[in-house]
Amino acid sequence: MVNKLIIANVLHRPIRTVVSVLAVAIEVAMVMLVVGLCHGLVNDSARRVEGVGADILVRPPGSSFMMGMGEAPMPIKIGDRLAELPRVLAVAPTIIHVNSVGSLSLIYGIDQASFDRVSGGFVYHAGGPFQGPYDILVDDIYAHANHSKVGQTINLLNQDFRIAGIVEHGKGARMFIPLATLQDMLGAQNKATTFFVKCTDPAYTEQTADAIRTLLPTYTIMPIKEYMALMTSNNLPGLNYFITVMIGLAVGIGFLVIFLSMYTTITERTREIGILKSLGASKTYIISVILREATLLTVVGILSGYIGSMIMRKILIGIFPTMSVQLTWDWRLYAAGLALLGSMVGAFYPALRAASLDPVDALAYE
């Protein structure tokens, strides 16, 4: 009987019901997409750095966790000193630069011979290595997103580059140009922003890292495993604050709409509530009816939010193929829990107000 009453109440005001469900769905989808975008950005960046194949990163003092977020070049001669250390197999000096034209992406300026020794070499889908100073390699994801082909010209940093090859994604950047060319364009001759160091055996990583710290005491020396562990939203305070603020906004939207929806319900059905109370309905019963209705709206909203977030993910990846959006099961549960909690809090006061109505006043309400 109670369930029939709740369903009848929901269907009686279809517009109000749709708005309430939509608010919860937006809340859930917003939480999932914001977290998915942030985690996708961080994790994708970390995986691509790991994909270079190096065991150790050598970076300037005070450099940011995020690659390319600071220009603090180091003398390229440091690479020769690193290569002389025991148990070092190869060293690849690299300039990492952020390209913000069109879309945010990283450009690696590489010495291809040393980069191939560290990474094991590129897997070419088409074309081949650099043939000239203004050649560029792009990965398959970038090529697919921009319909690029070998031999085409693309403008990068106000300079035309010929696509020499399309390579398998996952080795750091999506675009690679000769190191000397990027040094000239940035005015950083004989400089590098990162040295990728590969050991003769990964088991020697910690010993080699200690030797590099002794050689370069003020520099940032980080084994790849340590870098991967640090590259999470919890270790990036600015990103973590952003996620918290956006989640707070999403929960606030759901809370306010459910609150208004339930409060309007009480106002519209004051007389009906008076009839229920005159028939002997207890305060607990009235509160239960209101909260159950809010729960029903929330559950439908959560399911709609799940569907909406997956549709939006496909749309975003379709428009921006280089974007990574990770919709994880744990955040699906967190988003559902936040939506349910916000809805219950939002519905509680209207439910309490309905339970406190005087039957005589409620029956006289017009």
Protein backbone atom coordinates (compact mmCIF):
# COMPACT_ATOMS: atom_id res chain seq x y z
CA MET A 1 0.00 0.00 0.00
CA VAL A 2 2.76 2.43 0.95
CA ASN A 3 4.72 1.65 -2.22
CA LYS A 4 1.62 2.23 -4.38
CA LEU A 5 1.10 5.58 -2.67
CA ILE A 6 4.72 6.59 -3.30
CA ILE A 7 4.61 5.61 -6.98
CA ALA A 8 1.32 7.46 -7.41
CA ASN A 9 2.86 10.55 -5.82
CA VAL A 10 5.87 10.37 -8.17
CA LEU A 11 3.71 9.93 -11.28
CA HIS A 12 1.24 12.64 -10.25
CA ARG A 13 3.80 15.42 -10.92
CA PRO A 14 5.87 14.15 -13.88
CA ILE A 15 7.74 17.41 -14.48
CA ARG A 16 8.79 17.69 -10.84
CA THR A 17 9.84 14.04 -10.89
CA VAL A 18 11.90 14.45 -14.07
CA VAL A 19 13.64 17.57 -12.71
CA SER A 20 14.49 15.78 -9.46
CA VAL A 21 15.84 12.72 -11.26
CA LEU A 22 17.78 14.93 -13.66
CA ALA A 23 19.39 16.86 -10.78
CA VAL A 24 20.60 13.65 -9.14
CA ALA A 25 21.77 12.30 -12.50
CA ILE A 26 23.76 15.49 -13.15
CA GLU A 27 25.28 15.23 -9.67
CA VAL A 28 26.38 11.61 -10.21
CA ALA A 29 27.62 12.19 -13.77
CA MET A 30 29.48 15.34 -12.74
CA VAL A 31 31.30 13.54 -9.91
CA MET A 32 32.23 10.60 -12.12
CA LEU A 33 33.35 12.66 -15.11
CA VAL A 34 35.40 15.18 -13.12
CA VAL A 35 37.17 12.44 -11.19
CA GLY A 36 37.50 10.32 -14.33
CA LEU A 37 39.04 13.17 -16.31
CA CYS A 38 41.50 14.08 -13.56
CA HIS A 39 42.54 10.50 -12.85
CA GLY A 40 42.71 9.77 -16.57
CA LEU A 41 45.02 12.75 -17.17
CA VAL A 42 47.37 11.82 -14.32
CA ASN A 43 47.41 8.09 -14.93
CA ASP A 44 47.80 8.40 -18.69
CA SER A 45 50.73 10.77 -18.23
CA ALA A 46 52.39 8.42 -15.73
CA ARG A 47 51.89 5.34 -17.92
CA ARG A 48 53.41 7.05 -20.94
CA VAL A 49 56.48 8.10 -18.93
CA GLU A 50 56.81 4.52 -17.71
CA GLY A 51 56.46 3.36 -21.32
CA VAL A 52 59.70 5.12 -22.26
CA GLY A 53 61.47 2.17 -20.66
CA ALA A 54 63.85 4.09 -18.40
CA ASP A 55 64.57 3.04 -14.84
CA ILE A 56 65.46 6.48 -13.44
CA LEU A 57 64.46 10.09 -14.13
CA VAL A 58 67.03 12.86 -13.61
CA ARG A 59 65.43 16.29 -13.46
CA PRO A 60 66.39 19.84 -12.38
CA PRO A 61 66.22 20.92 -8.71
CA GLY A 62 62.69 21.78 -7.57
CA SER A 63 61.01 20.47 -10.73
CA SER A 64 57.29 19.69 -10.80
CA PHE A 65 55.86 16.16 -10.69
CA MET A 66 54.07 16.90 -13.95
CA MET A 67 56.34 16.63 -16.96
CA GLY A 68 56.73 19.83 -18.95
CA MET A 69 55.25 22.06 -16.25
CA GLY A 70 58.48 23.96 -15.70
CA GLU A 71 61.38 25.17 -17.78
CA ALA A 72 64.57 24.54 -15.82
CA PRO A 73 67.05 23.15 -18.39
CA MET A 74 70.17 21.26 -17.39
CA PRO A 75 73.51 21.18 -19.26
CA ILE A 76 73.40 18.32 -21.73
CA LYS A 77 76.95 17.36 -20.73
CA ILE A 78 75.47 15.88 -17.57
CA GLY A 79 74.37 12.99 -19.78
CA ASP A 80 78.01 12.08 -20.51
CA ARG A 81 78.79 11.98 -16.77
CA LEU A 82 75.75 9.81 -16.12
CA ALA A 83 76.74 7.40 -18.89
CA GLU A 84 80.13 6.87 -17.21
CA LEU A 85 78.56 5.56 -13.99
CA PRO A 86 78.67 1.80 -13.34
CA ARG A 87 75.54 -0.19 -14.25
CA VAL A 88 74.22 2.57 -16.56
CA LEU A 89 73.30 1.12 -19.96
CA ALA A 90 72.01 4.24 -21.74
CA VAL A 91 71.11 7.88 -21.10
CA ALA A 92 68.62 9.83 -23.23
CA PRO A 93 68.70 13.65 -22.87
CA THR A 94 65.23 15.03 -23.58
CA ILE A 95 63.49 18.40 -23.69
CA ILE A 96 59.85 18.10 -22.63
CA HIS A 97 57.67 21.00 -23.76
CA VAL A 98 53.94 21.62 -23.40
CA ASN A 99 52.09 22.47 -26.59
CA SER A 100 48.90 24.40 -25.85
CA VAL A 101 47.90 25.16 -29.46
CA GLY A 102 44.80 23.23 -30.50
CA SER A 103 44.93 20.92 -27.48
CA LEU A 104 47.15 20.45 -24.44
CA SER A 105 49.85 17.91 -25.28
CA LEU A 106 53.52 17.16 -24.69
CA ILE A 107 56.32 17.42 -27.23
CA TYR A 108 59.53 15.49 -26.67
CA GLY A 109 62.72 16.79 -28.20
CA ILE A 110 64.87 13.67 -28.48
CA ASP A 111 68.18 12.44 -29.70
CA GLN A 112 66.73 9.44 -31.48
CA ALA A 113 69.78 7.19 -31.20
CA SER A 114 70.01 7.48 -27.40
CA PHE A 115 66.21 7.50 -26.96
CA ASP A 116 65.99 4.24 -28.93
CA ARG A 117 68.65 2.66 -26.72
CA VAL A 118 66.64 3.54 -23.60
CA SER A 119 63.17 2.75 -24.96
CA GLY A 120 63.99 -0.18 -27.22
CA GLY A 121 63.00 1.84 -30.29
CA PHE A 122 59.70 2.94 -31.79
CA VAL A 123 57.24 0.60 -33.44
CA TYR A 124 56.32 2.28 -36.72
CA HIS A 125 52.80 2.07 -38.11
CA ALA A 126 53.93 4.05 -41.14
CA GLY A 127 57.03 5.93 -42.28
CA GLY A 128 60.29 5.83 -40.36
CA PRO A 129 62.85 7.79 -38.31
CA PHE A 130 63.81 11.45 -38.66
CA GLN A 131 65.36 12.33 -42.01
CA GLY A 132 65.88 16.03 -41.39
CA PRO A 133 65.84 18.69 -38.66
CA TYR A 134 62.18 19.58 -39.28
CA ASP A 135 60.77 16.07 -39.29
CA ILE A 136 58.32 14.95 -36.63
CA LEU A 137 57.08 11.62 -35.33
CA VAL A 138 53.49 11.40 -34.06
CA ASP A 139 51.84 8.51 -32.28
CA ASP A 140 48.92 6.54 -33.72
CA ILE A 141 46.35 8.15 -31.38
CA TYR A 142 47.37 11.66 -32.44
CA ALA A 143 47.40 10.60 -36.10
CA HIS A 144 43.90 9.12 -35.80
CA ALA A 145 42.55 12.19 -34.01
CA ASN A 146 43.97 14.59 -36.59
CA HIS A 147 43.73 12.37 -39.68
CA SER A 148 47.48 12.69 -40.12
CA LYS A 149 49.50 10.80 -42.70
CA VAL A 150 53.20 10.41 -43.42
CA GLY A 151 54.45 13.26 -45.59
CA GLN A 152 51.86 15.76 -44.38
CA THR A 153 52.98 19.08 -42.91
CA ILE A 154 51.84 20.26 -39.50
CA ASN A 155 52.54 23.60 -37.84
CA LEU A 156 54.05 23.33 -34.40
CA LEU A 157 55.52 26.20 -32.36
CA ASN A 158 55.13 28.44 -35.44
CA GLN A 159 57.25 26.07 -37.52
CA ASP A 160 56.20 23.65 -40.25
CA PHE A 161 57.20 20.01 -39.67
CA ARG A 162 56.93 17.06 -42.02
CA ILE A 163 55.47 13.89 -40.53
CA ALA A 164 58.25 11.35 -40.99
CA GLY A 165 56.59 8.49 -39.13
CA ILE A 166 53.54 7.35 -37.18
CA VAL A 167 54.54 5.30 -34.13
CA GLU A 168 52.86 3.13 -31.53
CA HIS A 169 51.58 5.23 -28.60
CA GLY A 170 52.89 4.92 -25.07
CA LYS A 171 56.48 6.19 -25.17
CA GLY A 172 56.13 9.46 -23.31
CA ALA A 173 54.76 12.09 -25.66
CA ARG A 174 52.45 12.08 -28.63
CA MET A 175 54.85 14.14 -30.73
CA PHE A 176 58.64 13.83 -31.09
CA ILE A 177 61.02 16.20 -32.87
CA PRO A 178 64.85 16.26 -33.04
CA LEU A 179 66.45 17.48 -29.82
CA ALA A 180 68.67 20.03 -31.57
CA THR A 181 65.65 21.54 -33.35
CA LEU A 182 63.66 22.03 -30.15
CA GLN A 183 66.75 23.42 -28.40
CA ASP A 184 67.10 26.07 -31.12
CA MET A 185 63.38 26.93 -31.08
CA LEU A 186 63.34 27.38 -27.31
CA GLY A 187 66.73 29.09 -27.08
CA ALA A 188 68.07 26.24 -24.96
CA GLN A 189 71.15 25.17 -26.89
CA ASN A 190 73.01 22.27 -25.27
CA LYS A 191 70.30 21.95 -22.61
CA ALA A 192 67.85 19.26 -21.55
CA THR A 193 64.92 19.18 -19.12
CA THR A 194 65.06 15.46 -18.34
CA PHE A 195 67.53 12.59 -18.59
CA PHE A 196 66.02 9.13 -18.96
CA VAL A 197 68.49 6.63 -17.50
CA LYS A 198 68.35 2.89 -18.20
CA CYS A 199 70.30 0.48 -16.03
CA THR A 200 72.01 -2.68 -17.21
CA ASP A 201 69.55 -4.51 -14.95
CA PRO A 202 66.44 -3.09 -13.20
CA ALA A 203 67.70 -4.71 -9.99
CA TYR A 204 70.43 -2.07 -9.90
CA THR A 205 67.98 0.86 -9.97
CA GLU A 206 68.33 1.89 -6.32
CA GLN A 207 72.13 1.57 -6.32
CA THR A 208 72.39 3.59 -9.51
CA ALA A 209 69.98 6.23 -8.18
CA ASP A 210 72.15 6.59 -5.05
CA ALA A 211 75.25 6.99 -7.23
CA ILE A 212 73.51 9.72 -9.25
CA ARG A 213 72.43 11.51 -6.07
CA THR A 214 76.07 11.54 -4.98
CA LEU A 215 77.10 12.91 -8.36
CA LEU A 216 74.26 15.48 -8.56
CA PRO A 217 73.23 16.20 -4.95
CA THR A 218 70.87 19.11 -5.73
CA TYR A 219 69.01 17.46 -8.61
CA THR A 220 65.76 15.50 -8.51
CA ILE A 221 66.60 11.81 -8.89
CA MET A 222 63.56 9.55 -9.05
CA PRO A 223 63.23 5.84 -9.90
CA ILE A 224 60.33 5.24 -12.25
CA LYS A 225 58.50 3.13 -9.65
CA GLU A 226 58.65 6.02 -7.20
CA TYR A 227 57.43 8.42 -9.88
CA MET A 228 54.46 6.14 -10.65
CA ALA A 229 53.57 5.96 -6.95
CA LEU A 230 53.60 9.75 -6.65
CA MET A 231 51.51 10.37 -9.76
CA THR A 232 48.09 10.21 -8.11
CA SER A 233 45.54 12.94 -7.41
CA ASN A 234 46.24 12.59 -3.66
CA ASN A 235 49.86 13.60 -4.23
CA LEU A 236 48.96 16.55 -6.44
CA PRO A 237 47.38 19.02 -3.96
CA GLY A 238 46.03 21.46 -6.55
CA LEU A 239 44.28 18.69 -8.46
CA ASN A 240 42.93 17.15 -5.28
CA TYR A 241 41.43 20.49 -4.17
CA PHE A 242 39.85 20.92 -7.59
CA ILE A 243 38.22 17.48 -7.38
CA THR A 244 36.94 18.22 -3.85
CA VAL A 245 35.42 21.56 -4.90
CA MET A 246 33.70 20.07 -7.96
CA ILE A 247 32.30 17.18 -5.92
CA GLY A 248 31.04 19.67 -3.34
CA LEU A 249 29.25 21.66 -6.06
CA ALA A 250 27.69 18.50 -7.50
CA VAL A 251 26.45 17.31 -4.10
CA GLY A 252 25.12 20.81 -3.37
CA ILE A 253 23.08 20.77 -6.59
CA GLY A 254 21.52 17.42 -5.73
CA PHE A 255 20.84 18.45 -2.13
CA LEU A 256 19.07 21.69 -3.07
CA VAL A 257 16.91 20.17 -5.80
CA ILE A 258 15.79 17.23 -3.65
CA PHE A 259 15.13 19.65 -0.77
CA LEU A 260 12.97 21.89 -2.98
CA SER A 261 11.25 18.90 -4.56
CA MET A 262 10.29 17.36 -1.22
CA TYR A 263 9.37 20.72 0.30
CA THR A 264 7.07 21.41 -2.66
CA THR A 265 5.57 17.97 -2.23
CA ILE A 266 4.65 18.74 1.37
CA THR A 267 3.11 22.08 0.41
CA GLU A 268 1.06 20.56 -2.40
CA ARG A 269 -0.12 17.61 -0.31
CA THR A 270 -0.78 19.26 3.03
CA ARG A 271 -4.42 18.23 2.90
CA GLU A 272 -3.53 14.63 1.94
CA ILE A 273 -1.11 14.43 4.85
CA GLY A 274 -3.84 15.73 7.15
CA ILE A 275 -6.15 12.94 5.97
CA LEU A 276 -3.43 10.32 6.63
CA LYS A 277 -2.80 11.69 10.12
CA SER A 278 -6.53 11.83 10.90
CA LEU A 279 -6.70 8.15 9.94
CA GLY A 280 -4.03 7.38 12.52
CA ALA A 281 -0.80 7.62 10.55
CA SER A 282 2.13 8.18 12.92
CA LYS A 283 4.96 10.67 12.52
CA THR A 284 7.29 7.78 11.70
CA TYR A 285 4.95 6.62 8.94
CA ILE A 286 4.76 10.10 7.36
CA ILE A 287 8.54 10.55 7.50
CA SER A 288 9.00 7.07 6.02
CA VAL A 289 6.74 7.87 3.05
CA ILE A 290 8.60 11.10 2.24
CA LEU A 291 12.05 9.53 2.60
CA ARG A 292 11.06 6.51 0.52
CA GLU A 293 9.87 8.80 -2.25
CA ALA A 294 13.17 10.71 -2.12
CA THR A 295 15.06 7.40 -2.20
CA LEU A 296 13.13 6.24 -5.27
CA LEU A 297 13.88 9.49 -7.10
CA THR A 298 17.54 9.24 -6.08
CA VAL A 299 17.97 5.63 -7.22
CA VAL A 300 16.47 6.42 -10.63
CA GLY A 301 18.71 9.50 -10.77
CA ILE A 302 21.81 7.46 -9.91
CA LEU A 303 21.10 4.93 -12.66
CA SER A 304 20.44 7.78 -15.10
CA GLY A 305 23.72 9.40 -14.01
CA TYR A 306 25.63 6.17 -14.72
CA ILE A 307 24.16 5.97 -18.21
CA GLY A 308 24.74 9.69 -18.82
CA SER A 309 28.38 9.54 -17.71
CA MET A 310 29.10 6.65 -20.08
CA ILE A 311 27.44 8.48 -22.97
CA MET A 312 29.39 11.66 -22.17
CA ARG A 313 32.63 9.66 -21.96
CA LYS A 314 32.05 8.29 -25.47
CA ILE A 315 31.22 11.77 -26.77
CA LEU A 316 34.33 13.32 -25.18
CA ILE A 317 36.64 10.59 -26.49
CA GLY A 318 34.98 10.87 -29.89
CA ILE A 319 35.66 14.61 -30.01
CA PHE A 320 39.07 14.41 -28.27
CA PRO A 321 40.57 10.95 -28.98
CA THR A 322 43.75 11.81 -27.08
CA MET A 323 41.76 12.37 -23.88
CA SER A 324 41.65 9.68 -21.20
CA VAL A 325 38.52 9.36 -19.03
CA GLN A 326 38.58 6.61 -16.39
CA LEU A 327 35.19 5.70 -14.90
CA THR A 328 36.10 3.36 -12.05
CA TRP A 329 33.75 1.19 -10.00
CA ASP A 330 34.90 2.63 -6.69
CA TRP A 331 33.93 6.15 -7.78
CA ARG A 332 30.62 4.85 -9.09
CA LEU A 333 29.91 3.69 -5.54
CA TYR A 334 31.22 6.96 -4.02
CA ALA A 335 29.07 9.03 -6.39
CA ALA A 336 25.99 6.92 -5.55
CA GLY A 337 26.69 7.22 -1.82
CA LEU A 338 27.14 10.99 -2.03
CA ALA A 339 23.92 11.37 -4.04
CA LEU A 340 21.96 9.20 -1.61
CA LEU A 341 23.36 11.01 1.43
CA GLY A 342 22.65 14.45 -0.05
CA SER A 343 19.12 13.42 -0.98
CA MET A 344 18.32 12.00 2.46
CA VAL A 345 19.63 15.13 4.16
CA GLY A 346 17.69 17.30 1.71
CA ALA A 347 14.46 15.34 2.25
CA PHE A 348 14.69 15.05 6.03
CA TYR A 349 13.50 18.55 6.96
CA PRO A 350 10.48 18.46 4.62
CA ALA A 351 9.65 15.01 6.00
CA LEU A 352 9.93 16.28 9.58
CA ARG A 353 7.75 19.27 8.72
CA ALA A 354 5.11 17.00 7.19
CA ALA A 355 5.10 14.78 10.27
CA SER A 356 4.66 17.83 12.52
CA LEU A 357 1.57 19.16 10.75
CA ASP A 358 -1.54 19.42 12.88
CA PRO A 359 -4.28 17.24 11.32
CA VAL A 360 -6.99 19.89 11.86
CA ASP A 361 -4.90 22.66 10.23
CA ALA A 362 -3.88 20.33 7.41
CA LEU A 363 -7.47 19.35 6.64
CA ALA A 364 -8.49 23.05 6.58
CA TYR A 365 -5.61 23.89 4.18
CA GLU A 366 -6.71 25.08 0.72
